[in-house]
Amino acid sequence: MTPLLSLKDLTKAYPGVVANDNVSLEIAPGEVHSLLGENGAGKSTLVKMIYGLVKPDHGEMRMHGADYAPSEPRAARAAGVGMVFQHFSLFDALTVAENIALGMENAPRLSALSDQIRKVSDTYGLPLAPDRIVGDLSAGERQRVEIIRCLLQEPKLLIMDEPTSVLTPQEVDILFETLHKLSTDGTAILYISHKLEEIRTLCDSATILRLGKVVGTCVPKETTAREMAEMMVGKVLGTPTRAGVTPGDTVLELNSLSLPSPSAFGMPLRDISVKLRAGEVLGIGGVAGNGQDELLAALSGEMLAPPGTLKMKNVDIGKLGPNARRAIGLLAAPEERLGHAAAPDMSLTENAMLTGAAREGLENRGFLNWPAARGFAEKIIETFDVRTPGPGNAARSLSGGNLQKFVIGREVLQRPEILVVNQPTWGVDASAAAAIRQALLDLAEAGAAVIVISQDLDELMEISDRFAALNEGRLSDPRSTDGLTVEQIGLMMGGAHGMEVAHV
């Protein structure tokens, strides 16, 4: 069979780094092909060349046996290539149909487009109402908008970048059913994910990249997740471990905390009560958009809390801002790394200064100690294996996973008494994810209290002592993770609690 897409010796270099080094691979019609590699391996650069966002330095691409060299995404789409990005590009205030129309070259009238959306939704099992406001949709529904926008173009190759990072297990099942149907209908899928068990379930074949080069291929169904991970990183992986720790005194207490969301499309917090003890890891799961960002903002000090609803060591801290909370040991790392956790155009040294000034002694009476800040940034880079030429590089120059390692490392190395992290390993490869989880466990073992907000259920099961689900701004009563199944957690994340979950 003639390959649908063929890449031969594709190379792309940037100053100081070769992102792709003579990469060759083939994808057949209807094949689900995985692209695997650790952060900085060159996956994003490769798919950007396929989608026309980046021009290769040399090498060739062929589509249906003919030369293929898209000068822009419009040309790639015209050739039958669609891409669903890791970050959604949707306008909250517009309807589903209006958002989809914005991504089309010659969009029909909204009434006709709505009929097309309903038809594609029904055909591929992706229920979606064209007249719904996007700001009111869950993360899973937003992803359906992106997928349907691609499917309306009838692609022959669909590229998917970390498509399940914000989905519940039930939503993942729906997505996989859709992808299987697309594959059966002849659409090839190039699938990027760090969730290796998903790769084993879904994909027919895999190409592994390391440092920009193809280092191997495999059939995922015949390869264990650990074997694939070790092919990606080129070494034997360790498993995060933690010595038994008896939790200490209560260090953080939320008492019936209710707060409106600062965003028109956000989720208010509703009557949240929970206690956190020293040395404990509390895992909080929930489908994106159920109050995770608001909860982190309430804990970090970006949103102030009513009197008596938020206490640290029996002291009311609800009216303290972020800097004051950091000074007493409550630190946070938000989900949005570029723009919230880190300033994109600032160097890593400057970003280290932004949150580490007080606790790391980087300033004195208004004077900033830049050599010390550079040293702190270098320590983060070395300890957390951040792949970058140096601390003078801008945050936006790092791959998503490497920036994530920098952000988490910056907070962990400040020795917090309480650390709140949202999606700590989002978009991070298996080796780096294991290192981040181990750092959080080590922090708890040293006596810190840790709250991990995540959509990665395996992650929560691996490192949490207790688990609570966040749904529509309400937090369930925490339960011990001992004996708690992933299926039960998935139901809790969807809003089922109590007896319904207990009898699954």
Protein backbone atom coordinates (compact mmCIF):
# COMPACT_ATOMS: atom_id res chain seq x y z
CA MET A 1 0.00 0.00 0.00
CA THR A 2 1.29 3.47 -0.89
CA PRO A 3 1.85 5.46 2.31
CA LEU A 4 -0.54 8.35 2.91
CA LEU A 5 2.30 10.46 4.31
CA SER A 6 6.00 9.81 3.89
CA LEU A 7 8.79 11.81 5.56
CA LYS A 8 12.41 11.33 4.48
CA ASP A 9 15.45 12.86 6.22
CA LEU A 10 13.44 15.81 7.53
CA THR A 11 15.72 18.23 9.38
CA LYS A 12 15.08 21.49 11.22
CA ALA A 13 17.69 23.38 13.26
CA TYR A 14 17.43 26.42 15.50
CA PRO A 15 20.29 28.39 17.06
CA GLY A 16 22.03 26.03 19.46
CA VAL A 17 19.82 23.00 18.84
CA VAL A 18 18.86 20.57 16.07
CA ALA A 19 15.15 20.00 16.71
CA ASN A 20 14.77 17.30 14.02
CA ASP A 21 17.76 15.39 12.66
CA ASN A 22 17.07 13.39 9.46
CA VAL A 23 13.70 12.11 10.63
CA SER A 24 11.99 9.54 8.40
CA LEU A 25 8.65 7.79 8.90
CA GLU A 26 5.60 6.58 6.99
CA ILE A 27 1.91 6.60 7.86
CA ALA A 28 -0.58 4.42 5.97
CA PRO A 29 -4.24 5.30 5.30
CA GLY A 30 -6.36 4.37 8.32
CA GLU A 31 -3.31 3.83 10.53
CA VAL A 32 -3.19 5.22 14.09
CA HIS A 33 0.48 6.13 14.45
CA SER A 34 1.97 7.39 17.70
CA LEU A 35 4.82 9.87 17.91
CA LEU A 36 6.68 9.30 21.19
CA GLY A 37 9.53 11.15 22.85
CA GLU A 38 10.51 12.99 25.99
CA ASN A 39 10.15 16.77 26.25
CA GLY A 40 12.42 18.45 23.74
CA ALA A 41 12.69 15.32 21.57
CA GLY A 42 11.37 17.19 18.52
CA LYS A 43 7.74 16.01 18.32
CA SER A 44 6.20 19.48 18.16
CA THR A 45 8.64 20.70 15.52
CA LEU A 46 7.93 17.65 13.38
CA VAL A 47 4.14 18.03 13.39
CA LYS A 48 4.50 21.78 12.81
CA MET A 49 6.39 20.99 9.60
CA ILE A 50 3.67 18.55 8.54
CA TYR A 51 1.00 21.18 9.27
CA GLY A 52 2.80 24.02 7.49
CA LEU A 53 3.70 26.08 10.56
CA VAL A 54 7.45 25.51 10.15
CA LYS A 55 9.54 25.04 7.00
CA PRO A 56 12.14 22.22 7.10
CA ASP A 57 15.78 23.03 6.40
CA HIS A 58 16.06 19.96 4.20
CA GLY A 59 14.47 16.60 3.57
CA GLU A 60 11.21 15.84 1.80
CA MET A 61 7.58 15.09 2.51
CA ARG A 62 5.21 13.22 0.20
CA MET A 63 1.43 12.96 0.43
CA HIS A 64 -0.31 10.24 -1.64
CA GLY A 65 3.05 9.74 -3.40
CA ALA A 66 3.27 13.38 -4.55
CA ASP A 67 5.57 16.12 -3.27
CA TYR A 68 4.10 17.85 -0.21
CA ALA A 69 5.54 21.12 1.12
CA PRO A 70 2.79 23.26 2.74
CA SER A 71 3.77 26.91 3.07
CA GLU A 72 1.10 27.55 5.71
CA PRO A 73 -1.63 25.66 7.61
CA ARG A 74 -4.19 26.67 4.98
CA ALA A 75 -2.22 24.71 2.38
CA ALA A 76 -1.94 21.73 4.73
CA ARG A 77 -5.69 21.72 5.33
CA ALA A 78 -6.30 21.92 1.58
CA ALA A 79 -4.11 18.84 1.18
CA GLY A 80 -6.18 16.95 3.74
CA VAL A 81 -4.24 17.49 6.98
CA GLY A 82 -6.12 18.55 10.12
CA MET A 83 -4.70 19.23 13.57
CA VAL A 84 -6.23 19.36 17.05
CA PHE A 85 -3.84 21.32 19.25
CA GLN A 86 -3.12 20.71 22.92
CA HIS A 87 -4.35 24.21 23.77
CA PHE A 88 -7.86 25.07 22.60
CA SER A 89 -8.23 28.10 20.32
CA LEU A 90 -11.85 29.02 21.01
CA PHE A 91 -13.73 32.21 21.89
CA ASP A 92 -15.77 31.73 25.07
CA ALA A 93 -18.40 34.34 24.20
CA LEU A 94 -19.29 32.80 20.81
CA THR A 95 -21.42 29.77 20.03
CA VAL A 96 -20.09 26.42 18.84
CA ALA A 97 -21.17 27.16 15.27
CA GLU A 98 -19.63 30.65 15.30
CA ASN A 99 -16.30 29.27 16.56
CA ILE A 100 -16.26 26.59 13.89
CA ALA A 101 -17.12 29.12 11.18
CA LEU A 102 -14.10 31.22 12.17
CA GLY A 103 -11.80 28.30 11.39
CA MET A 104 -13.21 27.64 7.91
CA GLU A 105 -12.00 29.13 4.64
CA ASN A 106 -15.46 29.54 3.11
CA ALA A 107 -17.94 29.03 5.90
CA PRO A 108 -21.58 28.46 4.89
CA ARG A 109 -24.48 30.28 6.53
CA LEU A 110 -24.78 29.45 10.22
CA SER A 111 -28.03 27.56 9.74
CA ALA A 112 -26.45 25.29 7.12
CA LEU A 113 -23.28 24.94 9.18
CA SER A 114 -25.33 23.97 12.23
CA ASP A 115 -26.93 21.16 10.22
CA GLN A 116 -23.46 19.96 9.16
CA ILE A 117 -22.25 20.04 12.78
CA ARG A 118 -25.23 17.96 13.93
CA LYS A 119 -24.64 15.44 11.15
CA VAL A 120 -20.93 15.00 11.94
CA SER A 121 -21.72 14.89 15.67
CA ASP A 122 -24.18 12.05 15.15
CA THR A 123 -21.95 10.16 12.70
CA TYR A 124 -18.92 10.08 14.99
CA GLY A 125 -20.62 9.92 18.41
CA LEU A 126 -19.61 13.42 19.51
CA PRO A 127 -22.82 15.00 20.84
CA LEU A 128 -22.63 18.77 20.50
CA ALA A 129 -25.29 21.48 20.16
CA PRO A 130 -24.25 24.14 17.59
CA ASP A 131 -26.03 26.98 19.43
CA ARG A 132 -24.37 26.46 22.83
CA ILE A 133 -22.03 29.16 24.13
CA VAL A 134 -18.47 27.80 24.28
CA GLY A 135 -17.86 29.41 27.67
CA ASP A 136 -20.52 27.12 29.12
CA LEU A 137 -18.92 23.91 27.78
CA SER A 138 -16.81 21.41 29.70
CA ALA A 139 -13.25 20.71 28.60
CA GLY A 140 -14.37 17.51 26.90
CA GLU A 141 -17.08 19.37 24.97
CA ARG A 142 -14.59 22.04 23.91
CA GLN A 143 -12.36 19.37 22.52
CA ARG A 144 -15.31 18.07 20.51
CA VAL A 145 -15.61 21.53 18.95
CA GLU A 146 -11.98 21.37 17.83
CA ILE A 147 -12.36 17.84 16.48
CA ILE A 148 -15.59 18.58 14.62
CA ARG A 149 -14.01 21.69 13.11
CA CYS A 150 -11.32 19.39 11.68
CA LEU A 151 -13.76 16.67 10.59
CA LEU A 152 -15.86 19.13 8.59
CA GLN A 153 -12.79 19.53 6.36
CA GLU A 154 -12.81 15.73 5.73
CA PRO A 155 -9.11 15.26 6.57
CA LYS A 156 -7.10 12.30 5.36
CA LEU A 157 -4.61 12.79 8.20
CA LEU A 158 -5.62 14.01 11.66
CA ILE A 159 -2.86 15.13 14.05
CA MET A 160 -3.79 15.07 17.75
CA ASP A 161 -1.52 16.61 20.40
CA GLU A 162 -2.16 15.44 24.01
CA PRO A 163 -5.91 15.09 23.37
CA THR A 164 -6.85 13.41 26.68
CA SER A 165 -5.04 15.66 29.15
CA VAL A 166 -8.28 17.26 30.42
CA LEU A 167 -10.74 14.37 30.00
CA THR A 168 -12.36 11.95 32.44
CA PRO A 169 -11.97 8.21 31.76
CA GLN A 170 -15.52 8.14 30.38
CA GLU A 171 -14.73 11.00 27.95
CA VAL A 172 -11.54 9.22 26.89
CA ASP A 173 -13.61 6.15 26.00
CA ILE A 174 -15.90 8.31 23.82
CA LEU A 175 -12.90 9.91 22.09
CA PHE A 176 -11.29 6.55 21.38
CA GLU A 177 -14.52 5.21 19.87
CA THR A 178 -14.54 8.23 17.56
CA LEU A 179 -10.90 7.72 16.56
CA HIS A 180 -11.49 4.02 15.87
CA LYS A 181 -14.40 4.92 13.59
CA LEU A 182 -12.29 7.52 11.77
CA SER A 183 -9.54 4.96 11.32
CA THR A 184 -12.00 2.39 9.99
CA ASP A 185 -13.22 5.01 7.50
CA GLY A 186 -9.66 5.43 6.21
CA THR A 187 -8.49 8.54 8.09
CA ALA A 188 -4.90 8.24 9.34
CA ILE A 189 -4.20 9.60 12.82
CA LEU A 190 -0.87 10.88 14.11
CA TYR A 191 -1.25 10.75 17.89
CA ILE A 192 1.00 12.46 20.45
CA SER A 193 0.59 11.62 24.13
CA HIS A 194 2.66 10.96 27.23
CA LYS A 195 0.00 8.54 28.50
CA LEU A 196 1.60 5.31 27.38
CA GLU A 197 -1.20 2.96 28.39
CA GLU A 198 -3.47 4.98 26.07
CA ILE A 199 -0.91 4.51 23.30
CA ARG A 200 -0.98 0.76 23.88
CA THR A 201 -4.79 0.73 23.72
CA LEU A 202 -5.23 2.94 20.67
CA CYS A 203 -2.24 2.93 18.35
CA ASP A 204 -1.16 0.50 15.63
CA SER A 205 2.47 1.62 15.52
CA ALA A 206 4.84 4.11 17.11
CA THR A 207 7.93 6.07 16.15
CA ILE A 208 10.20 7.07 19.03
CA LEU A 209 12.24 10.29 18.92
CA ARG A 210 15.13 11.17 21.20
CA LEU A 211 17.08 14.42 20.89
CA GLY A 212 15.58 15.00 17.45
CA LYS A 213 16.47 11.60 16.00
CA VAL A 214 14.41 8.48 15.35
CA VAL A 215 15.77 5.90 17.81
CA GLY A 216 13.27 3.13 17.22
CA THR A 217 9.82 1.94 16.29
CA CYS A 218 7.45 -0.50 17.96
CA VAL A 219 4.00 -2.02 17.95
CA PRO A 220 2.47 -0.54 21.15
CA LYS A 221 0.11 -3.46 21.77
CA GLU A 222 3.15 -5.75 21.91
CA THR A 223 5.28 -3.39 24.03
CA THR A 224 4.89 -2.49 27.71
CA ALA A 225 4.51 1.13 28.81
CA ARG A 226 7.80 0.87 30.72
CA GLU A 227 9.62 -0.45 27.63
CA MET A 228 8.32 2.46 25.54
CA ALA A 229 9.27 4.98 28.24
CA GLU A 230 12.78 3.57 28.47
CA MET A 231 13.14 3.71 24.67
CA MET A 232 12.15 7.37 24.86
CA VAL A 233 14.70 8.37 27.51
CA GLY A 234 17.44 5.83 26.78
CA LYS A 235 17.78 4.58 30.36
CA VAL A 236 16.08 2.45 32.99
CA LEU A 237 13.29 4.34 34.75
CA GLY A 238 12.80 4.41 38.48
CA THR A 239 9.41 4.31 40.20
CA PRO A 240 8.49 7.16 42.59
CA THR A 241 8.75 5.90 46.15
CA ARG A 242 7.92 7.29 49.54
CA ALA A 243 8.75 6.13 53.03
CA GLY A 244 5.80 5.77 55.37
CA VAL A 245 5.01 9.14 56.92
CA THR A 246 2.56 9.75 59.73
CA PRO A 247 0.77 13.06 59.01
CA GLY A 248 1.35 15.76 61.59
CA ASP A 249 -0.81 18.61 62.82
CA THR A 250 -3.38 20.41 60.68
CA VAL A 251 -1.63 23.22 58.81
CA LEU A 252 -4.38 24.36 56.42
CA GLU A 253 -8.12 24.55 56.98
CA LEU A 254 -10.93 25.62 54.66
CA ASN A 255 -14.26 26.26 56.40
CA SER A 256 -17.32 26.62 54.13
CA LEU A 257 -15.32 28.64 51.60
CA SER A 258 -17.55 30.17 48.92
CA LEU A 259 -16.27 32.63 46.33
CA PRO A 260 -17.55 33.94 42.98
CA SER A 261 -15.37 33.36 39.94
CA PRO A 262 -13.56 36.44 38.60
CA SER A 263 -14.38 35.21 35.09
CA ALA A 264 -17.81 35.40 33.46
CA PHE A 265 -17.31 31.81 32.30
CA GLY A 266 -15.58 30.56 35.43
CA MET A 267 -16.92 28.36 38.20
CA PRO A 268 -17.73 29.77 41.66
CA LEU A 269 -16.50 27.88 44.70
CA ARG A 270 -19.37 26.51 46.78
CA ASP A 271 -19.09 25.71 50.49
CA ILE A 272 -15.68 24.01 50.40
CA SER A 273 -14.46 22.52 53.67
CA VAL A 274 -11.30 20.44 54.07
CA LYS A 275 -8.33 20.06 56.41
CA LEU A 276 -4.75 19.36 55.37
CA ARG A 277 -2.05 17.99 57.67
CA ALA A 278 1.72 18.33 57.56
CA GLY A 279 3.35 15.54 55.56
CA GLU A 280 0.14 14.72 53.70
CA VAL A 281 -0.54 14.71 49.95
CA LEU A 282 -4.16 15.53 49.12
CA GLY A 283 -5.14 14.75 45.54
CA ILE A 284 -7.99 16.74 44.00
CA GLY A 285 -9.46 15.47 40.74
CA GLY A 286 -12.02 17.05 38.49
CA VAL A 287 -12.87 17.68 34.87
CA ALA A 288 -11.35 20.98 33.74
CA GLY A 289 -13.60 23.96 34.38
CA ASN A 290 -15.10 22.75 37.64
CA GLY A 291 -13.33 25.27 39.87
CA GLN A 292 -9.69 24.16 39.79
CA ASP A 293 -8.32 27.55 38.79
CA GLU A 294 -10.55 29.33 41.29
CA LEU A 295 -9.49 27.00 44.12
CA LEU A 296 -5.81 27.54 43.39
CA ALA A 297 -6.37 31.31 43.22
CA ALA A 298 -8.17 31.24 46.58
CA LEU A 299 -5.30 29.30 48.17
CA SER A 300 -2.48 31.30 46.54
CA GLY A 301 -3.94 34.69 47.51
CA GLU A 302 -4.89 35.84 44.02
CA MET A 303 -8.49 35.75 45.30
CA LEU A 304 -9.10 36.89 48.88
CA ALA A 305 -11.32 34.81 51.14
CA PRO A 306 -14.02 35.89 53.65
CA PRO A 307 -12.99 35.99 57.33
CA GLY A 308 -12.76 32.61 59.00
CA THR A 309 -12.91 30.54 55.80
CA LEU A 310 -9.16 30.02 55.25
CA LYS A 311 -6.68 29.36 58.04
CA MET A 312 -3.02 28.37 58.15
CA LYS A 313 -1.92 26.99 61.51
CA ASN A 314 -5.08 28.44 63.08
CA VAL A 315 -4.27 31.93 61.76
CA ASP A 316 -6.77 33.57 59.39
CA ILE A 317 -4.92 34.25 56.12
CA GLY A 318 -7.93 35.02 53.89
CA LYS A 319 -7.00 38.67 53.45
CA LEU A 320 -3.30 38.07 52.70
CA GLY A 321 -2.14 38.49 49.12
CA PRO A 322 0.20 36.12 47.23
CA ASN A 323 3.48 37.67 48.43
CA ALA A 324 2.41 37.63 52.07
CA ARG A 325 1.32 34.00 51.80
CA ARG A 326 4.60 33.05 50.16
CA ALA A 327 6.50 34.72 52.98
CA ILE A 328 4.79 32.47 55.56
CA GLY A 329 5.31 29.33 53.46
CA LEU A 330 2.20 28.83 51.31
CA LEU A 331 3.33 28.52 47.68
CA ALA A 332 1.45 27.67 44.50
CA ALA A 333 2.09 26.64 40.90
CA PRO A 334 -0.86 27.29 38.55
CA GLU A 335 -1.86 25.21 35.54
CA GLU A 336 -1.23 27.86 32.88
CA ARG A 337 2.54 27.87 32.80
CA LEU A 338 3.11 30.44 30.06
CA GLY A 339 1.57 33.75 31.09
CA HIS A 340 0.49 32.83 34.62
CA ALA A 341 3.22 30.72 36.21
CA ALA A 342 5.93 32.32 34.04
CA ALA A 343 6.29 35.59 32.14
CA PRO A 344 6.93 34.51 28.51
CA ASP A 345 9.38 37.21 27.46
CA MET A 346 11.34 37.29 30.73
CA SER A 347 14.45 35.17 31.16
CA LEU A 348 14.50 32.16 33.46
CA THR A 349 16.59 34.21 35.88
CA GLU A 350 13.94 36.91 35.95
CA ASN A 351 11.20 34.32 36.37
CA ALA A 352 13.12 32.80 39.27
CA MET A 353 13.23 36.26 40.85
CA LEU A 354 9.47 36.79 40.41
CA THR A 355 8.44 34.20 42.99
CA GLY A 356 11.69 33.47 44.81
CA ALA A 357 12.74 36.97 45.85
CA ALA A 358 11.58 36.77 49.46
CA ARG A 359 12.19 33.13 50.38
CA GLU A 360 15.52 32.86 48.56
CA GLY A 361 16.87 36.21 49.79
CA LEU A 362 17.14 37.62 46.27
CA GLU A 363 16.28 41.18 47.28
CA ASN A 364 17.16 43.51 50.13
CA ARG A 365 15.31 46.78 50.78
CA GLY A 366 14.18 46.99 47.20
CA PHE A 367 17.54 46.12 45.63
CA LEU A 368 17.55 42.95 43.51
CA ASN A 369 20.46 40.52 43.76
CA TRP A 370 20.74 39.32 40.17
CA PRO A 371 23.81 37.08 40.64
CA ALA A 372 21.91 35.24 43.39
CA ALA A 373 18.83 35.02 41.17
CA ARG A 374 20.92 33.56 38.36
CA GLY A 375 22.36 31.04 40.79
CA PHE A 376 18.86 30.05 41.91
CA ALA A 377 17.76 29.63 38.28
CA GLU A 378 20.83 27.50 37.55
CA LYS A 379 20.03 25.32 40.57
CA ILE A 380 16.47 24.76 39.27
CA ILE A 381 17.79 23.92 35.79
CA GLU A 382 20.32 21.42 37.13
CA THR A 383 18.12 19.78 39.78
CA PHE A 384 15.10 19.33 37.53
CA ASP A 385 16.98 18.65 34.27
CA VAL A 386 15.49 21.61 32.42
CA ARG A 387 16.66 21.44 28.79
CA THR A 388 17.74 24.98 27.92
CA PRO A 389 21.00 26.67 26.81
CA GLY A 390 21.03 28.66 30.06
CA PRO A 391 19.19 30.85 32.58
CA GLY A 392 19.37 33.84 30.25
CA ASN A 393 16.92 32.26 27.80
CA ALA A 394 13.34 33.51 27.73
CA ALA A 395 10.63 31.31 29.24
CA ARG A 396 8.81 31.13 25.90
CA SER A 397 11.88 29.51 24.29
CA LEU A 398 11.43 26.34 26.34
CA SER A 399 9.25 23.43 25.30
CA GLY A 400 6.08 23.10 27.35
CA GLY A 401 7.39 20.17 29.36
CA ASN A 402 10.71 21.83 30.15
CA LEU A 403 9.00 25.02 31.27
CA GLN A 404 6.74 22.90 33.47
CA LYS A 405 9.82 21.34 35.11
CA PHE A 406 11.23 24.82 35.73
CA VAL A 407 7.98 26.13 37.27
CA ILE A 408 7.53 23.17 39.61
CA GLY A 409 11.23 23.12 40.52
CA ARG A 410 11.18 26.83 41.33
CA GLU A 411 8.47 26.31 43.95
CA VAL A 412 9.75 22.99 45.38
CA LEU A 413 13.26 24.37 45.95
CA GLN A 414 11.85 27.22 48.05
CA ARG A 415 11.01 24.67 50.78
CA PRO A 416 7.32 25.53 51.24
CA GLU A 417 5.33 24.47 54.28
CA ILE A 418 2.30 24.13 52.01
CA LEU A 419 2.49 23.67 48.24
CA VAL A 420 -0.52 23.76 45.93
CA VAL A 421 0.05 22.60 42.35
CA ASN A 422 -2.41 22.40 39.46
CA GLN A 423 -1.60 19.84 36.73
CA PRO A 424 2.04 19.36 37.83
CA THR A 425 2.96 16.94 35.02
CA TRP A 426 0.76 18.26 32.21
CA GLY A 427 2.54 17.71 28.88
CA VAL A 428 5.60 16.23 30.60
CA ASP A 429 7.28 13.01 29.44
CA ALA A 430 7.34 9.84 31.55
CA SER A 431 10.83 10.38 32.96
CA ALA A 432 10.23 14.02 33.90
CA ALA A 433 6.77 13.21 35.30
CA ALA A 434 8.30 10.55 37.57
CA ALA A 435 10.92 13.07 38.72
CA ILE A 436 8.30 15.73 39.49
CA ARG A 437 6.13 13.25 41.40
CA GLN A 438 9.16 12.09 43.38
CA ALA A 439 10.01 15.71 44.23
CA LEU A 440 6.47 16.24 45.56
CA LEU A 441 6.66 13.03 47.61
CA ASP A 442 10.07 14.05 48.98
CA LEU A 443 8.64 17.42 49.93
CA ALA A 444 5.81 15.75 51.85
CA GLU A 445 8.24 13.33 53.48
CA ALA A 446 10.20 16.36 54.73
CA GLY A 447 7.04 17.59 56.46
CA ALA A 448 5.36 19.85 53.91
CA ALA A 449 1.64 19.58 53.14
CA VAL A 450 0.93 19.17 49.42
CA ILE A 451 -2.26 19.64 47.41
CA VAL A 452 -2.12 18.17 43.90
CA ILE A 453 -4.93 19.21 41.54
CA SER A 454 -4.84 17.01 38.46
CA GLN A 455 -6.86 15.35 35.71
CA ASP A 456 -4.32 12.51 35.59
CA LEU A 457 -6.01 9.87 37.70
CA ASP A 458 -3.04 7.50 37.66
CA GLU A 459 -0.93 10.33 39.04
CA LEU A 460 -3.37 11.03 41.86
CA MET A 461 -3.55 7.34 42.77
CA GLU A 462 0.24 7.07 42.76
CA ILE A 463 1.15 9.95 45.07
CA SER A 464 -1.93 10.92 47.12
CA ASP A 465 -2.80 9.84 50.64
CA ARG A 466 -6.37 11.10 50.27
CA PHE A 467 -8.51 12.02 47.29
CA ALA A 468 -11.37 14.49 46.84
CA ALA A 469 -13.31 15.37 43.69
CA LEU A 470 -14.13 18.89 42.54
CA ASN A 471 -17.41 19.14 40.64
CA GLU A 472 -19.29 22.35 39.80
CA GLY A 473 -17.30 24.22 42.44
CA ARG A 474 -18.06 21.73 45.23
CA LEU A 475 -15.47 19.50 46.88
CA SER A 476 -16.39 15.99 47.98
CA ASP A 477 -15.32 14.63 51.35
CA PRO A 478 -11.74 13.34 51.03
CA ARG A 479 -11.32 9.56 50.94
CA SER A 480 -8.24 7.44 51.51
CA THR A 481 -6.74 6.33 48.21
CA ASP A 482 -6.23 2.83 49.61
CA GLY A 483 -8.71 0.62 47.76
CA LEU A 484 -10.11 3.48 45.70
CA THR A 485 -10.43 2.49 42.02
CA VAL A 486 -9.85 4.70 38.99
CA GLU A 487 -13.45 4.02 37.94
CA GLN A 488 -14.74 5.29 41.29
CA ILE A 489 -12.59 8.40 40.98
CA GLY A 490 -13.91 9.00 37.46
CA LEU A 491 -17.49 8.86 38.72
CA MET A 492 -16.66 11.23 41.60
CA MET A 493 -15.13 13.67 39.12
CA GLY A 494 -18.39 13.53 37.16
CA GLY A 495 -20.41 14.47 40.24
CA ALA A 496 -21.32 11.06 41.70
CA HIS A 497 -20.58 10.73 45.42
CA GLY A 498 -21.52 8.63 48.42
CA MET A 499 -23.30 5.33 47.98
CA GLU A 500 -23.32 5.45 44.18
CA VAL A 501 -19.53 5.46 44.10
CA ALA A 502 -19.15 3.08 47.03
CA HIS A 503 -21.09 0.34 45.23
CA VAL A 504 -19.31 0.55 41.85
